[in-house]
Amino acid sequence: PQLRIRMTLLFFGVLFLTVWIILLAAIRVVGDSDSTFDTFPSSCSLPDGCTRVAFSEGGAQGTHRCSMDGTQCKVPRVAALATTVREDVVKELDSWFQTRVVKDDPNYVHAVILSVVWGFPDDFGVELMCNSSMTQLFIQSEQ
């Protein structure tokens, strides 16, 4: 009888792990969307699941209230041409784990980053605005 109990526990343990692995794989496949924003979003569609550093309506020039803690964030400025900065952004995103660049335009880069365990997609957008030799980066990450 004790061997039968152990075999039953082993069977259900293996069954549970098999179902768990299949569930994780299914979530990973379904979660890997190819949706892209055609242009940089004008606002966060989900304020609780979004971090944005960009100009905003009613905000001060060059700052935006960070969604996570309400502090003011400065829009990053780089002393380089937009093409050089875009190439660096794409190269950096390509090096990130489980990240895929899905749109690479001259002034806009959109990547999908999959979370490590569940594989949920997060959209990460970077818009580049060039004024003479300075490039401003507008960044938004959204679940």
C-alpha atoms as a PDB file:
ATOM      1  CA  PRO A   1       0.000   0.000   0.000  1.00  0.00           C
ATOM      2  CA  GLN A   2       2.834   2.460   0.772  1.00  0.00           C
ATOM      3  CA  LEU A   3       4.384   1.897  -2.674  1.00  0.00           C
ATOM      4  CA  ARG A   4       0.998   2.542  -4.262  1.00  0.00           C
ATOM      5  CA  ILE A   5       0.685   5.868  -2.383  1.00  0.00           C
ATOM      6  CA  ARG A   6       4.177   6.908  -3.502  1.00  0.00           C
ATOM      7  CA  MET A   7       3.442   5.988  -7.122  1.00  0.00           C
ATOM      8  CA  THR A   8       0.156   7.920  -6.974  1.00  0.00           C
ATOM      9  CA  LEU A   9       1.918  11.000  -5.548  1.00  0.00           C
ATOM     10  CA  LEU A  10       4.653  10.722  -8.178  1.00  0.00           C
ATOM     11  CA  PHE A  11       2.060  10.416 -10.959  1.00  0.00           C
ATOM     12  CA  PHE A  12       0.127  13.497  -9.806  1.00  0.00           C
ATOM     13  CA  GLY A  13       3.367  15.428  -9.275  1.00  0.00           C
ATOM     14  CA  VAL A  14       4.507  14.695 -12.832  1.00  0.00           C
ATOM     15  CA  LEU A  15       1.016  15.486 -14.146  1.00  0.00           C
ATOM     16  CA  PHE A  16       0.991  18.827 -12.291  1.00  0.00           C
ATOM     17  CA  LEU A  17       4.436  19.798 -13.651  1.00  0.00           C
ATOM     18  CA  THR A  18       3.436  18.790 -17.186  1.00  0.00           C
ATOM     19  CA  VAL A  19       0.276  20.898 -17.062  1.00  0.00           C
ATOM     20  CA  TRP A  20       2.253  23.802 -15.551  1.00  0.00           C
ATOM     21  CA  ILE A  21       4.868  23.684 -18.340  1.00  0.00           C
ATOM     22  CA  ILE A  22       2.185  23.511 -21.050  1.00  0.00           C
ATOM     23  CA  LEU A  23       0.376  26.467 -19.449  1.00  0.00           C
ATOM     24  CA  LEU A  24       3.576  28.534 -19.339  1.00  0.00           C
ATOM     25  CA  ALA A  25       4.333  27.708 -22.979  1.00  0.00           C
ATOM     26  CA  ALA A  26       0.788  28.660 -24.035  1.00  0.00           C
ATOM     27  CA  ILE A  27       0.965  31.978 -22.170  1.00  0.00           C
ATOM     28  CA  ARG A  28       4.324  32.650 -23.778  1.00  0.00           C
ATOM     29  CA  VAL A  29       3.007  32.021 -27.296  1.00  0.00           C
ATOM     30  CA  VAL A  30      -0.203  34.026 -26.786  1.00  0.00           C
ATOM     31  CA  GLY A  31       1.628  36.856 -25.001  1.00  0.00           C
ATOM     32  CA  ASP A  32       4.143  37.416 -27.791  1.00  0.00           C
ATOM     33  CA  SER A  33       2.130  39.896 -29.837  1.00  0.00           C
ATOM     34  CA  ASP A  34       3.310  41.641 -32.979  1.00  0.00           C
ATOM     35  CA  SER A  35       1.203  44.725 -32.369  1.00  0.00           C
ATOM     36  CA  THR A  36       2.994  48.012 -32.884  1.00  0.00           C
ATOM     37  CA  PHE A  37       2.202  51.646 -32.452  1.00  0.00           C
ATOM     38  CA  ASP A  38       2.522  53.375 -35.814  1.00  0.00           C
ATOM     39  CA  THR A  39       3.772  56.508 -34.080  1.00  0.00           C
ATOM     40  CA  PHE A  40       4.911  57.432 -30.592  1.00  0.00           C
ATOM     41  CA  PRO A  41       1.859  57.399 -28.265  1.00  0.00           C
ATOM     42  CA  SER A  42       0.545  60.781 -27.132  1.00  0.00           C
ATOM     43  CA  SER A  43      -0.312  59.440 -23.664  1.00  0.00           C
ATOM     44  CA  CYS A  44      -0.427  56.319 -21.520  1.00  0.00           C
ATOM     45  CA  SER A  45      -3.429  54.101 -22.204  1.00  0.00           C
ATOM     46  CA  LEU A  46      -2.960  52.372 -18.820  1.00  0.00           C
ATOM     47  CA  PRO A  47      -1.660  54.939 -16.294  1.00  0.00           C
ATOM     48  CA  ASP A  48      -0.852  52.299 -13.661  1.00  0.00           C
ATOM     49  CA  GLY A  49       1.139  50.140 -16.072  1.00  0.00           C
ATOM     50  CA  CYS A  50       3.011  52.892 -17.860  1.00  0.00           C
ATOM     51  CA  THR A  51       6.172  54.925 -17.434  1.00  0.00           C
ATOM     52  CA  ARG A  52       6.569  57.933 -19.703  1.00  0.00           C
ATOM     53  CA  VAL A  53       9.274  60.554 -20.118  1.00  0.00           C
ATOM     54  CA  ALA A  54       8.016  62.939 -22.813  1.00  0.00           C
ATOM     55  CA  PHE A  55       6.248  66.217 -23.337  1.00  0.00           C
ATOM     56  CA  SER A  56       2.697  66.157 -22.060  1.00  0.00           C
ATOM     57  CA  GLU A  57      -0.363  68.346 -22.180  1.00  0.00           C
ATOM     58  CA  GLY A  58      -0.169  70.956 -19.420  1.00  0.00           C
ATOM     59  CA  GLY A  59       3.358  69.852 -18.473  1.00  0.00           C
ATOM     60  CA  ALA A  60       6.445  72.029 -18.397  1.00  0.00           C
ATOM     61  CA  GLN A  61       8.566  72.072 -21.542  1.00  0.00           C
ATOM     62  CA  GLY A  62      10.905  69.105 -21.436  1.00  0.00           C
ATOM     63  CA  THR A  63       9.462  67.452 -18.344  1.00  0.00           C
ATOM     64  CA  HIS A  64       6.704  65.032 -17.577  1.00  0.00           C
ATOM     65  CA  ARG A  65       5.315  63.637 -14.393  1.00  0.00           C
ATOM     66  CA  CYS A  66       6.651  60.064 -14.061  1.00  0.00           C
ATOM     67  CA  SER A  67       3.727  57.676 -13.809  1.00  0.00           C
ATOM     68  CA  MET A  68       5.321  55.575 -11.089  1.00  0.00           C
ATOM     69  CA  ASP A  69       5.923  58.160  -8.356  1.00  0.00           C
ATOM     70  CA  GLY A  70       4.707  61.539  -9.628  1.00  0.00           C
ATOM     71  CA  THR A  71       8.146  63.195  -9.681  1.00  0.00           C
ATOM     72  CA  GLN A  72       9.348  65.350 -12.547  1.00  0.00           C
ATOM     73  CA  CYS A  73      11.553  63.627 -15.133  1.00  0.00           C
ATOM     74  CA  LYS A  74      13.819  65.461 -17.534  1.00  0.00           C
ATOM     75  CA  VAL A  75      13.606  64.498 -21.189  1.00  0.00           C
ATOM     76  CA  PRO A  76      17.047  63.076 -22.059  1.00  0.00           C
ATOM     77  CA  ARG A  77      19.127  65.138 -24.505  1.00  0.00           C
ATOM     78  CA  VAL A  78      22.150  63.753 -26.317  1.00  0.00           C
ATOM     79  CA  ALA A  79      24.761  65.775 -28.180  1.00  0.00           C
ATOM     80  CA  ALA A  80      24.591  63.670 -31.349  1.00  0.00           C
ATOM     81  CA  LEU A  81      22.577  63.375 -34.545  1.00  0.00           C
ATOM     82  CA  ALA A  82      19.293  61.453 -34.396  1.00  0.00           C
ATOM     83  CA  THR A  83      20.550  58.760 -36.807  1.00  0.00           C
ATOM     84  CA  THR A  84      23.518  57.961 -34.566  1.00  0.00           C
ATOM     85  CA  VAL A  85      21.354  57.919 -31.430  1.00  0.00           C
ATOM     86  CA  ARG A  86      18.734  55.702 -33.141  1.00  0.00           C
ATOM     87  CA  GLU A  87      21.414  53.207 -34.176  1.00  0.00           C
ATOM     88  CA  ASP A  88      22.677  53.105 -30.575  1.00  0.00           C
ATOM     89  CA  VAL A  89      19.136  52.647 -29.223  1.00  0.00           C
ATOM     90  CA  VAL A  90      18.437  49.753 -31.630  1.00  0.00           C
ATOM     91  CA  LYS A  91      21.796  48.129 -30.830  1.00  0.00           C
ATOM     92  CA  GLU A  92      21.087  48.400 -27.092  1.00  0.00           C
ATOM     93  CA  LEU A  93      17.555  47.004 -27.425  1.00  0.00           C
ATOM     94  CA  ASP A  94      18.837  44.109 -29.541  1.00  0.00           C
ATOM     95  CA  SER A  95      21.196  43.160 -26.708  1.00  0.00           C
ATOM     96  CA  TRP A  96      18.415  42.957 -24.096  1.00  0.00           C
ATOM     97  CA  PHE A  97      17.102  39.532 -23.057  1.00  0.00           C
ATOM     98  CA  GLN A  98      13.784  38.561 -24.737  1.00  0.00           C
ATOM     99  CA  THR A  99      13.508  41.871 -26.597  1.00  0.00           C
ATOM    100  CA  ARG A 100      12.602  42.290 -30.241  1.00  0.00           C
ATOM    101  CA  VAL A 101      12.574  45.537 -32.237  1.00  0.00           C
ATOM    102  CA  VAL A 102       9.327  45.483 -34.225  1.00  0.00           C
ATOM    103  CA  LYS A 103       9.469  48.959 -35.782  1.00  0.00           C
ATOM    104  CA  ASP A 104      12.574  50.916 -36.703  1.00  0.00           C
ATOM    105  CA  ASP A 105      11.798  54.231 -38.385  1.00  0.00           C
ATOM    106  CA  PRO A 106      14.194  57.200 -38.680  1.00  0.00           C
ATOM    107  CA  ASN A 107      12.604  59.014 -35.704  1.00  0.00           C
ATOM    108  CA  TYR A 108      10.800  56.189 -33.871  1.00  0.00           C
ATOM    109  CA  VAL A 109      11.798  52.794 -32.485  1.00  0.00           C
ATOM    110  CA  HIS A 110       9.284  50.349 -31.002  1.00  0.00           C
ATOM    111  CA  ALA A 111      10.333  47.151 -29.215  1.00  0.00           C
ATOM    112  CA  VAL A 112       8.443  44.388 -27.447  1.00  0.00           C
ATOM    113  CA  ILE A 113      10.060  43.130 -24.251  1.00  0.00           C
ATOM    114  CA  LEU A 114       8.846  39.825 -22.812  1.00  0.00           C
ATOM    115  CA  SER A 115       8.841  39.407 -19.040  1.00  0.00           C
ATOM    116  CA  VAL A 116      11.233  36.715 -17.855  1.00  0.00           C
ATOM    117  CA  VAL A 117       8.914  34.186 -16.194  1.00  0.00           C
ATOM    118  CA  TRP A 118       5.525  34.542 -17.866  1.00  0.00           C
ATOM    119  CA  GLY A 119       6.497  36.084 -21.194  1.00  0.00           C
ATOM    120  CA  PHE A 120       4.005  38.962 -20.981  1.00  0.00           C
ATOM    121  CA  PRO A 121       4.757  41.628 -23.616  1.00  0.00           C
ATOM    122  CA  ASP A 122       5.650  45.191 -22.658  1.00  0.00           C
ATOM    123  CA  ASP A 123       5.766  47.859 -25.353  1.00  0.00           C
ATOM    124  CA  PHE A 124       8.808  50.123 -25.279  1.00  0.00           C
ATOM    125  CA  GLY A 125       8.841  53.161 -27.564  1.00  0.00           C
ATOM    126  CA  VAL A 126      11.516  55.755 -28.207  1.00  0.00           C
ATOM    127  CA  GLU A 127      10.902  58.854 -30.307  1.00  0.00           C
ATOM    128  CA  LEU A 128      13.855  60.973 -31.406  1.00  0.00           C
ATOM    129  CA  MET A 129      13.617  64.717 -32.076  1.00  0.00           C
ATOM    130  CA  CYS A 130      16.659  66.479 -33.461  1.00  0.00           C
ATOM    131  CA  ASN A 131      17.328  70.208 -32.913  1.00  0.00           C
ATOM    132  CA  SER A 132      20.625  71.207 -34.574  1.00  0.00           C
ATOM    133  CA  SER A 133      23.216  68.904 -32.960  1.00  0.00           C
ATOM    134  CA  MET A 134      21.088  67.884 -29.936  1.00  0.00           C
ATOM    135  CA  THR A 135      18.717  64.900 -29.989  1.00  0.00           C
ATOM    136  CA  GLN A 136      15.890  64.605 -27.480  1.00  0.00           C
ATOM    137  CA  LEU A 137      14.631  61.144 -26.521  1.00  0.00           C
ATOM    138  CA  PHE A 138      10.986  60.639 -25.604  1.00  0.00           C
ATOM    139  CA  ILE A 139      10.498  57.271 -23.908  1.00  0.00           C
ATOM    140  CA  GLN A 140       7.413  55.265 -22.998  1.00  0.00           C
ATOM    141  CA  SER A 141       7.123  51.771 -21.587  1.00  0.00           C
ATOM    142  CA  GLU A 142       3.686  50.242 -21.238  1.00  0.00           C
ATOM    143  CA  GLN A 143       2.259  46.856 -20.341  1.00  0.00           C
END
